[in-house]
Amino acid sequence: MLGPLPTIYRIVVIACALVVCMGVGAWLAARFPGAMLAGTGAAVGAGFGALLALLLVHDFRPHSGAPVRIRARRRH
């Protein structure tokens, strides 16, 4: 979705997605009554966060494999 990002921004997006999803999972597990623990909710949230992070930073466009090299023409 976000396409080709520099490495530092990919790391930031992945970390934010994981932290937010883990927090939401732990909060939901603690909020609802039942035997589910907050740690289990955080683990489920981490799984969803990893999937979300993959979808956010993966470039789904087809690639030719070889890098494109652009040369400027010199005028004589």
Protein backbone atom coordinates (compact mmCIF):
# COMPACT_ATOMS: atom_id res chain seq x y z
CA MET A 1 0.00 0.00 0.00
CA LEU A 2 2.57 2.54 1.04
CA GLY A 3 4.93 1.21 -1.59
CA PRO A 4 8.67 1.57 -1.69
CA LEU A 5 9.74 3.42 1.44
CA PRO A 6 13.25 4.02 2.74
CA THR A 7 14.33 1.41 5.26
CA ILE A 8 14.03 3.65 8.32
CA TYR A 9 10.42 4.51 7.48
CA ARG A 10 9.58 0.86 6.90
CA ILE A 11 10.91 0.04 10.36
CA VAL A 12 8.89 2.86 11.92
CA VAL A 13 5.67 1.78 10.16
CA ILE A 14 6.19 -1.86 11.16
CA ALA A 15 6.92 -0.95 14.79
CA CYS A 16 3.87 1.32 15.02
CA ALA A 17 1.57 -1.30 13.48
CA LEU A 18 2.82 -3.97 15.90
CA VAL A 19 2.60 -1.78 18.99
CA VAL A 20 -0.89 -0.50 18.17
CA CYS A 21 -2.26 -3.96 17.33
CA MET A 22 -0.70 -5.53 20.41
CA GLY A 23 -2.15 -2.78 22.61
CA VAL A 24 -5.61 -3.11 21.08
CA GLY A 25 -5.45 -6.91 21.44
CA ALA A 26 -4.41 -6.70 25.10
CA TRP A 27 -7.05 -4.06 25.80
CA LEU A 28 -9.82 -6.10 24.17
CA ALA A 29 -8.76 -9.27 25.99
CA ALA A 30 -8.77 -7.47 29.34
CA ARG A 31 -12.04 -5.68 28.58
CA PHE A 32 -14.18 -8.70 27.72
CA PRO A 33 -15.10 -11.16 30.45
CA GLY A 34 -13.82 -14.67 30.12
CA ALA A 35 -10.71 -16.72 30.50
CA MET A 36 -8.68 -14.83 27.89
CA LEU A 37 -5.63 -13.13 29.37
CA ALA A 38 -4.17 -9.84 28.24
CA GLY A 39 -0.99 -11.65 27.13
CA THR A 40 -3.02 -13.86 24.82
CA GLY A 41 -4.75 -10.80 23.39
CA ALA A 42 -1.38 -9.15 22.85
CA ALA A 43 -0.11 -12.25 21.03
CA VAL A 44 -3.18 -12.31 18.78
CA GLY A 45 -2.74 -8.58 18.23
CA ALA A 46 0.91 -9.15 17.31
CA GLY A 47 -0.19 -11.64 14.66
CA PHE A 48 -2.66 -9.19 13.18
CA GLY A 49 -0.07 -6.43 13.47
CA ALA A 50 2.47 -8.46 11.52
CA LEU A 51 -0.09 -9.08 8.79
CA LEU A 52 -1.02 -5.40 8.73
CA ALA A 53 2.63 -4.36 8.61
CA LEU A 54 3.24 -6.71 5.69
CA LEU A 55 0.30 -5.25 3.80
CA LEU A 56 1.42 -1.69 4.55
CA VAL A 57 5.07 -1.92 3.46
CA HIS A 58 4.96 -4.58 0.74
CA ASP A 59 5.18 -3.29 -2.80
CA PHE A 60 2.64 -5.25 -4.86
CA ARG A 61 3.66 -3.80 -8.23
CA PRO A 62 5.38 -6.21 -10.61
CA HIS A 63 9.12 -5.72 -10.95
CA SER A 64 11.30 -6.55 -13.90
CA GLY A 65 14.12 -7.66 -11.61
CA ALA A 66 16.81 -5.40 -12.99
CA PRO A 67 17.27 -1.86 -11.68
CA VAL A 68 16.44 0.88 -14.13
CA ARG A 69 19.35 3.04 -15.14
CA ILE A 70 18.59 6.49 -16.52
CA ARG A 71 21.22 8.34 -18.48
CA ALA A 72 21.01 11.95 -19.54
CA ARG A 73 21.90 12.63 -23.14
CA ARG A 74 24.63 15.12 -23.78
CA ARG A 75 24.06 17.70 -26.44
CA HIS A 76 26.94 18.24 -28.84
